[in-house]
Amino acid sequence: MDIIDRIIDWFDTTLERRNLIKNFNKRAEDAWMNGYSGIYLKAKITWGNSANKTNFSRTYSGITILTASGKELDYVMCQMIGTVIMSDMKLCKGLVKSGFDTLEVRGSNQVGYESSLQNYLLESNNDGTIDL
């Protein structure tokens, strides 16, 4: 791979990462504004946790979900939100492919939940089934 290909790949990955965050924030805002969610969530790119590093990890490898509505959340609620977000396998794979390795969910009181995105990846067999 020559230097031009590396630069183009870096820009493509950077744009993809920004678009993932932008799309999540738009969907979360719409859900809150339309009354589907009582919590206004907002995502941002953060440092991440080096213990979660994968072959795809970027320097800023964390995605942190915060409550933008000032709502305090306990650990269990943060964990539930994280689990719901990561139950979307396409989103999870897109995050890992884009260089993220850590998911954090935090309330306004800074209580939070953190997990490796790799923990959420399921592998499918050749016949289309999934081993759990």
N, C-alpha and C. Protein backbone atom coordinates (compact mmCIF):
# COMPACT_ATOMS: atom_id res chain seq x y z
N MET A 1 0.86 -1.17 0.00
CA MET A 1 0.00 0.00 0.00
C MET A 1 0.90 1.24 0.00
N ASP A 2 0.71 2.11 -0.98
CA ASP A 2 1.56 3.30 -1.03
C ASP A 2 0.98 4.41 -0.14
N ILE A 3 1.71 5.49 -0.01
CA ILE A 3 1.36 6.57 0.90
C ILE A 3 0.02 7.22 0.54
N ILE A 4 -0.28 7.37 -0.75
CA ILE A 4 -1.55 7.98 -1.17
C ILE A 4 -2.72 7.11 -0.72
N ASP A 5 -2.60 5.79 -0.90
CA ASP A 5 -3.66 4.88 -0.46
C ASP A 5 -3.87 4.95 1.05
N ARG A 6 -2.79 5.07 1.79
CA ARG A 6 -2.90 5.18 3.25
C ARG A 6 -3.61 6.46 3.67
N ILE A 7 -3.28 7.56 3.02
CA ILE A 7 -3.92 8.84 3.34
C ILE A 7 -5.41 8.78 3.01
N ILE A 8 -5.76 8.25 1.85
CA ILE A 8 -7.16 8.13 1.45
C ILE A 8 -7.91 7.23 2.43
N ASP A 9 -7.30 6.10 2.82
CA ASP A 9 -7.92 5.18 3.77
C ASP A 9 -8.15 5.88 5.11
N TRP A 10 -7.18 6.67 5.57
CA TRP A 10 -7.31 7.39 6.84
C TRP A 10 -8.49 8.35 6.79
N PHE A 11 -8.62 9.13 5.69
CA PHE A 11 -9.74 10.06 5.57
C PHE A 11 -11.07 9.33 5.50
N ASP A 12 -11.14 8.24 4.76
CA ASP A 12 -12.38 7.46 4.67
C ASP A 12 -12.81 6.94 6.04
N THR A 13 -11.87 6.41 6.80
CA THR A 13 -12.17 5.87 8.13
C THR A 13 -12.60 6.99 9.06
N THR A 14 -11.92 8.13 9.01
CA THR A 14 -12.27 9.26 9.85
C THR A 14 -13.68 9.75 9.55
N LEU A 15 -14.04 9.86 8.28
CA LEU A 15 -15.40 10.27 7.91
C LEU A 15 -16.43 9.25 8.36
N GLU A 16 -16.12 7.98 8.22
CA GLU A 16 -17.04 6.92 8.64
C GLU A 16 -17.28 7.00 10.14
N ARG A 17 -16.23 7.23 10.91
CA ARG A 17 -16.37 7.35 12.37
C ARG A 17 -17.26 8.53 12.74
N ARG A 18 -17.01 9.66 12.10
CA ARG A 18 -17.82 10.85 12.39
C ARG A 18 -19.28 10.62 12.01
N ASN A 19 -19.51 9.96 10.89
CA ASN A 19 -20.88 9.69 10.45
C ASN A 19 -21.61 8.74 11.41
N LEU A 20 -20.92 7.74 11.94
CA LEU A 20 -21.53 6.85 12.92
C LEU A 20 -22.01 7.63 14.14
N ILE A 21 -21.15 8.50 14.65
CA ILE A 21 -21.50 9.32 15.82
C ILE A 21 -22.63 10.28 15.48
N LYS A 22 -22.52 10.94 14.33
CA LYS A 22 -23.55 11.89 13.90
C LYS A 22 -24.91 11.21 13.75
N ASN A 23 -24.94 10.02 13.14
CA ASN A 23 -26.19 9.30 12.95
C ASN A 23 -26.78 8.84 14.28
N PHE A 24 -25.93 8.36 15.18
CA PHE A 24 -26.42 7.96 16.50
C PHE A 24 -27.04 9.16 17.21
N ASN A 25 -26.34 10.29 17.19
CA ASN A 25 -26.84 11.48 17.89
C ASN A 25 -28.16 11.97 17.29
N LYS A 26 -28.29 11.89 15.98
CA LYS A 26 -29.54 12.31 15.33
C LYS A 26 -30.69 11.39 15.72
N ARG A 27 -30.44 10.08 15.71
CA ARG A 27 -31.49 9.12 16.08
C ARG A 27 -31.87 9.26 17.55
N ALA A 28 -30.90 9.50 18.42
CA ALA A 28 -31.17 9.67 19.85
C ALA A 28 -31.96 10.95 20.09
N GLU A 29 -31.60 12.02 19.39
CA GLU A 29 -32.33 13.27 19.53
C GLU A 29 -33.77 13.12 19.05
N ASP A 30 -33.95 12.48 17.91
CA ASP A 30 -35.31 12.26 17.38
C ASP A 30 -36.15 11.44 18.36
N ALA A 31 -35.57 10.39 18.94
CA ALA A 31 -36.30 9.55 19.90
C ALA A 31 -36.72 10.36 21.12
N TRP A 32 -35.85 11.22 21.61
CA TRP A 32 -36.16 12.04 22.77
C TRP A 32 -37.20 13.11 22.44
N MET A 33 -37.03 13.78 21.31
CA MET A 33 -37.96 14.84 20.91
C MET A 33 -39.36 14.29 20.64
N ASN A 34 -39.45 13.08 20.09
CA ASN A 34 -40.75 12.48 19.75
C ASN A 34 -41.35 11.68 20.90
N GLY A 35 -40.70 11.67 22.05
CA GLY A 35 -41.24 11.03 23.23
C GLY A 35 -41.04 9.52 23.30
N TYR A 36 -40.21 8.96 22.44
CA TYR A 36 -39.94 7.52 22.48
C TYR A 36 -38.93 7.16 23.56
N SER A 37 -38.17 8.14 24.01
CA SER A 37 -37.18 7.92 25.04
C SER A 37 -37.25 9.05 26.06
N GLY A 38 -37.19 8.69 27.34
CA GLY A 38 -37.20 9.70 28.39
C GLY A 38 -35.82 10.24 28.69
N ILE A 39 -34.83 9.70 28.02
CA ILE A 39 -33.44 10.10 28.24
C ILE A 39 -32.86 10.59 26.92
N TYR A 40 -32.29 11.79 26.95
CA TYR A 40 -31.63 12.33 25.76
C TYR A 40 -30.16 11.92 25.82
N LEU A 41 -29.77 11.06 24.90
CA LEU A 41 -28.40 10.54 24.85
C LEU A 41 -27.59 11.24 23.78
N LYS A 42 -26.32 11.39 24.02
CA LYS A 42 -25.41 11.99 23.05
C LYS A 42 -24.09 11.23 23.09
N ALA A 43 -23.59 10.87 21.91
CA ALA A 43 -22.34 10.12 21.80
C ALA A 43 -21.19 11.05 21.44
N LYS A 44 -20.01 10.67 21.89
CA LYS A 44 -18.80 11.39 21.49
C LYS A 44 -17.63 10.41 21.44
N ILE A 45 -16.62 10.76 20.67
CA ILE A 45 -15.42 9.95 20.55
C ILE A 45 -14.49 10.31 21.71
N THR A 46 -13.98 9.28 22.38
CA THR A 46 -13.12 9.50 23.54
C THR A 46 -11.86 8.62 23.43
N TRP A 47 -11.02 8.70 24.44
CA TRP A 47 -9.73 8.03 24.43
C TRP A 47 -9.87 6.51 24.34
N GLY A 48 -10.80 5.90 25.06
CA GLY A 48 -10.94 4.45 25.07
C GLY A 48 -10.10 3.82 26.17
N ASN A 49 -10.11 2.50 26.22
CA ASN A 49 -9.36 1.75 27.23
C ASN A 49 -8.39 0.82 26.52
N SER A 50 -7.12 0.97 26.77
CA SER A 50 -6.11 0.17 26.06
C SER A 50 -6.25 -1.33 26.32
N ALA A 51 -6.92 -1.72 27.40
CA ALA A 51 -7.14 -3.14 27.67
C ALA A 51 -8.09 -3.77 26.65
N ASN A 52 -8.85 -2.93 25.93
CA ASN A 52 -9.83 -3.41 24.95
C ASN A 52 -9.29 -3.38 23.52
N LYS A 53 -8.04 -3.07 23.37
CA LYS A 53 -7.43 -2.87 22.05
C LYS A 53 -7.62 -4.08 21.13
N THR A 54 -7.94 -3.80 19.86
CA THR A 54 -8.05 -4.82 18.82
C THR A 54 -7.12 -4.44 17.67
N ASN A 55 -7.07 -5.26 16.66
CA ASN A 55 -6.26 -4.95 15.47
C ASN A 55 -6.78 -3.71 14.74
N PHE A 56 -8.06 -3.38 14.92
CA PHE A 56 -8.67 -2.25 14.23
C PHE A 56 -8.60 -0.95 15.04
N SER A 57 -8.20 -1.01 16.31
CA SER A 57 -8.28 0.15 17.21
C SER A 57 -7.51 1.35 16.70
N ARG A 58 -8.13 2.51 16.82
CA ARG A 58 -7.50 3.78 16.50
C ARG A 58 -7.01 4.42 17.79
N THR A 59 -6.34 5.56 17.69
CA THR A 59 -5.84 6.25 18.88
C THR A 59 -7.00 6.63 19.80
N TYR A 60 -8.00 7.30 19.28
CA TYR A 60 -9.19 7.61 20.05
C TYR A 60 -10.18 6.50 19.75
N SER A 61 -10.17 5.46 20.60
CA SER A 61 -10.90 4.24 20.29
C SER A 61 -12.15 4.05 21.12
N GLY A 62 -12.50 5.05 21.91
CA GLY A 62 -13.68 4.92 22.75
C GLY A 62 -14.87 5.67 22.19
N ILE A 63 -16.04 5.13 22.46
CA ILE A 63 -17.28 5.85 22.18
C ILE A 63 -17.99 5.96 23.52
N THR A 64 -18.27 7.18 23.92
CA THR A 64 -18.92 7.43 25.20
C THR A 64 -20.30 7.99 24.95
N ILE A 65 -21.30 7.38 25.58
CA ILE A 65 -22.68 7.82 25.50
C ILE A 65 -22.99 8.52 26.82
N LEU A 66 -23.39 9.78 26.74
CA LEU A 66 -23.71 10.57 27.92
C LEU A 66 -25.17 10.98 27.89
N THR A 67 -25.73 11.25 29.06
CA THR A 67 -27.08 11.79 29.10
C THR A 67 -26.98 13.30 28.93
N ALA A 68 -27.57 13.80 27.88
CA ALA A 68 -27.54 15.23 27.60
C ALA A 68 -28.68 15.95 28.31
N SER A 69 -29.65 15.21 28.83
CA SER A 69 -30.80 15.83 29.49
C SER A 69 -30.57 16.02 30.98
N GLY A 70 -29.36 15.75 31.45
CA GLY A 70 -29.02 15.97 32.85
C GLY A 70 -29.58 14.90 33.79
N LYS A 71 -30.02 13.80 33.25
CA LYS A 71 -30.61 12.74 34.07
C LYS A 71 -29.52 11.91 34.73
N GLU A 72 -29.71 11.64 36.02
CA GLU A 72 -28.77 10.78 36.73
C GLU A 72 -29.17 9.33 36.48
N LEU A 73 -28.19 8.50 36.18
CA LEU A 73 -28.42 7.09 35.93
C LEU A 73 -27.58 6.25 36.88
N ASP A 74 -28.13 5.13 37.33
CA ASP A 74 -27.32 4.22 38.14
C ASP A 74 -26.61 3.24 37.21
N TYR A 75 -25.75 2.42 37.79
CA TYR A 75 -24.94 1.50 37.00
C TYR A 75 -25.80 0.56 36.17
N VAL A 76 -26.87 0.03 36.75
CA VAL A 76 -27.73 -0.92 36.05
C VAL A 76 -28.37 -0.28 34.83
N MET A 77 -28.84 0.96 34.95
CA MET A 77 -29.44 1.66 33.82
C MET A 77 -28.40 1.91 32.73
N CYS A 78 -27.19 2.30 33.12
CA CYS A 78 -26.12 2.49 32.14
C CYS A 78 -25.80 1.19 31.42
N GLN A 79 -25.77 0.09 32.16
CA GLN A 79 -25.50 -1.22 31.58
C GLN A 79 -26.62 -1.61 30.61
N MET A 80 -27.87 -1.35 30.97
CA MET A 80 -29.00 -1.66 30.10
C MET A 80 -28.92 -0.89 28.80
N ILE A 81 -28.60 0.39 28.88
CA ILE A 81 -28.47 1.22 27.67
C ILE A 81 -27.35 0.67 26.79
N GLY A 82 -26.22 0.34 27.40
CA GLY A 82 -25.10 -0.24 26.65
C GLY A 82 -25.47 -1.53 25.97
N THR A 83 -26.21 -2.38 26.65
CA THR A 83 -26.63 -3.66 26.09
C THR A 83 -27.60 -3.46 24.93
N VAL A 84 -28.52 -2.52 25.08
CA VAL A 84 -29.47 -2.24 23.99
C VAL A 84 -28.73 -1.72 22.76
N ILE A 85 -27.80 -0.82 22.97
CA ILE A 85 -27.02 -0.26 21.84
C ILE A 85 -26.24 -1.38 21.16
N MET A 86 -25.60 -2.23 21.94
CA MET A 86 -24.75 -3.25 21.35
C MET A 86 -25.52 -4.47 20.86
N SER A 87 -26.83 -4.52 21.11
CA SER A 87 -27.62 -5.61 20.55
C SER A 87 -27.81 -5.44 19.04
N ASP A 88 -27.49 -4.26 18.54
CA ASP A 88 -27.52 -4.00 17.10
C ASP A 88 -26.19 -4.47 16.53
N MET A 89 -26.15 -5.71 16.03
CA MET A 89 -24.89 -6.33 15.58
C MET A 89 -24.25 -5.54 14.44
N LYS A 90 -25.07 -4.98 13.54
CA LYS A 90 -24.53 -4.20 12.44
C LYS A 90 -23.81 -2.96 12.97
N LEU A 91 -24.41 -2.28 13.92
CA LEU A 91 -23.78 -1.12 14.54
C LEU A 91 -22.49 -1.51 15.25
N CYS A 92 -22.54 -2.59 16.01
CA CYS A 92 -21.36 -3.05 16.75
C CYS A 92 -20.21 -3.36 15.80
N LYS A 93 -20.49 -4.09 14.73
CA LYS A 93 -19.44 -4.41 13.77
C LYS A 93 -18.92 -3.15 13.08
N GLY A 94 -19.81 -2.21 12.77
CA GLY A 94 -19.40 -0.95 12.16
C GLY A 94 -18.48 -0.14 13.08
N LEU A 95 -18.78 -0.15 14.39
CA LEU A 95 -17.94 0.56 15.35
C LEU A 95 -16.55 -0.06 15.42
N VAL A 96 -16.48 -1.40 15.50
CA VAL A 96 -15.19 -2.08 15.57
C VAL A 96 -14.40 -1.86 14.29
N LYS A 97 -15.07 -1.98 13.14
CA LYS A 97 -14.42 -1.77 11.84
C LYS A 97 -13.87 -0.35 11.71
N SER A 98 -14.54 0.60 12.35
CA SER A 98 -14.14 2.00 12.28
C SER A 98 -13.08 2.38 13.31
N GLY A 99 -12.63 1.41 14.10
CA GLY A 99 -11.53 1.68 15.02
C GLY A 99 -11.92 1.89 16.46
N PHE A 100 -13.18 1.66 16.80
CA PHE A 100 -13.60 1.77 18.20
C PHE A 100 -13.41 0.43 18.89
N ASP A 101 -13.09 0.46 20.18
CA ASP A 101 -12.95 -0.78 20.93
C ASP A 101 -13.59 -0.73 22.31
N THR A 102 -14.00 0.45 22.75
CA THR A 102 -14.55 0.63 24.10
C THR A 102 -15.87 1.38 24.04
N LEU A 103 -16.88 0.86 24.75
CA LEU A 103 -18.16 1.56 24.91
C LEU A 103 -18.30 1.97 26.37
N GLU A 104 -18.62 3.24 26.58
CA GLU A 104 -18.92 3.75 27.92
C GLU A 104 -20.29 4.38 27.87
N VAL A 105 -21.07 4.19 28.93
CA VAL A 105 -22.36 4.87 29.09
C VAL A 105 -22.33 5.52 30.46
N ARG A 106 -22.57 6.82 30.51
CA ARG A 106 -22.48 7.57 31.77
C ARG A 106 -23.67 8.50 31.93
N GLY A 107 -24.12 8.62 33.17
CA GLY A 107 -25.15 9.59 33.52
C GLY A 107 -24.51 10.91 33.90
N SER A 108 -25.32 11.89 34.23
CA SER A 108 -24.79 13.20 34.61
C SER A 108 -24.01 13.14 35.92
N ASN A 109 -24.26 12.11 36.73
CA ASN A 109 -23.55 11.95 38.00
C ASN A 109 -22.24 11.20 37.84
N GLN A 110 -21.82 10.92 36.58
CA GLN A 110 -20.59 10.23 36.22
C GLN A 110 -20.54 8.76 36.62
N VAL A 111 -21.66 8.24 37.16
CA VAL A 111 -21.75 6.79 37.36
C VAL A 111 -21.83 6.19 35.97
N GLY A 112 -21.14 5.09 35.74
CA GLY A 112 -21.17 4.57 34.39
C GLY A 112 -20.80 3.12 34.25
N TYR A 113 -20.93 2.69 33.01
CA TYR A 113 -20.67 1.32 32.60
C TYR A 113 -19.68 1.37 31.45
N GLU A 114 -18.73 0.44 31.46
CA GLU A 114 -17.75 0.36 30.37
C GLU A 114 -17.60 -1.10 29.95
N SER A 115 -17.46 -1.31 28.64
CA SER A 115 -17.26 -2.66 28.14
C SER A 115 -16.46 -2.63 26.85
N SER A 116 -15.82 -3.74 26.57
CA SER A 116 -15.12 -3.92 25.31
C SER A 116 -16.15 -4.22 24.23
N LEU A 117 -16.08 -3.53 23.10
CA LEU A 117 -16.99 -3.81 22.00
C LEU A 117 -16.81 -5.22 21.47
N GLN A 118 -15.63 -5.75 21.61
CA GLN A 118 -15.34 -7.10 21.13
C GLN A 118 -16.21 -8.14 21.86
N ASN A 119 -16.62 -7.83 23.10
CA ASN A 119 -17.47 -8.75 23.87
C ASN A 119 -18.83 -8.94 23.21
N TYR A 120 -19.24 -8.04 22.36
CA TYR A 120 -20.56 -8.08 21.76
C TYR A 120 -20.58 -8.72 20.38
N LEU A 121 -19.42 -9.00 19.82
CA LEU A 121 -19.39 -9.57 18.48
C LEU A 121 -19.72 -11.05 18.52
N LEU A 122 -20.69 -11.44 17.70
CA LEU A 122 -21.06 -12.84 17.57
C LEU A 122 -20.53 -13.35 16.24
N GLU A 123 -20.08 -14.56 16.22
CA GLU A 123 -19.57 -15.14 14.98
C GLU A 123 -20.62 -16.05 14.38
N SER A 124 -20.84 -15.91 13.07
CA SER A 124 -21.81 -16.76 12.41
C SER A 124 -21.10 -17.92 11.73
N ASN A 125 -21.79 -19.04 11.66
CA ASN A 125 -21.28 -20.23 10.99
C ASN A 125 -21.55 -20.13 9.50
N ASN A 126 -20.98 -21.03 8.72
CA ASN A 126 -21.21 -21.03 7.27
C ASN A 126 -22.66 -21.26 6.91
N ASP A 127 -23.43 -21.92 7.80
CA ASP A 127 -24.83 -22.20 7.49
C ASP A 127 -25.76 -21.07 7.92
N GLY A 128 -25.21 -19.96 8.40
CA GLY A 128 -26.01 -18.79 8.78
C GLY A 128 -26.44 -18.77 10.24
N THR A 129 -26.15 -19.84 10.99
CA THR A 129 -26.50 -19.85 12.40
C THR A 129 -25.42 -19.14 13.20
N ILE A 130 -25.74 -18.80 14.44
CA ILE A 130 -24.81 -18.09 15.30
C ILE A 130 -24.55 -18.92 16.54
N ASP A 131 -23.28 -19.10 16.88
CA ASP A 131 -22.89 -19.78 18.12
C ASP A 131 -22.85 -18.75 19.24
N LEU A 132 -23.52 -19.06 20.33
CA LEU A 132 -23.51 -18.15 21.48
C LEU A 132 -22.59 -18.66 22.55
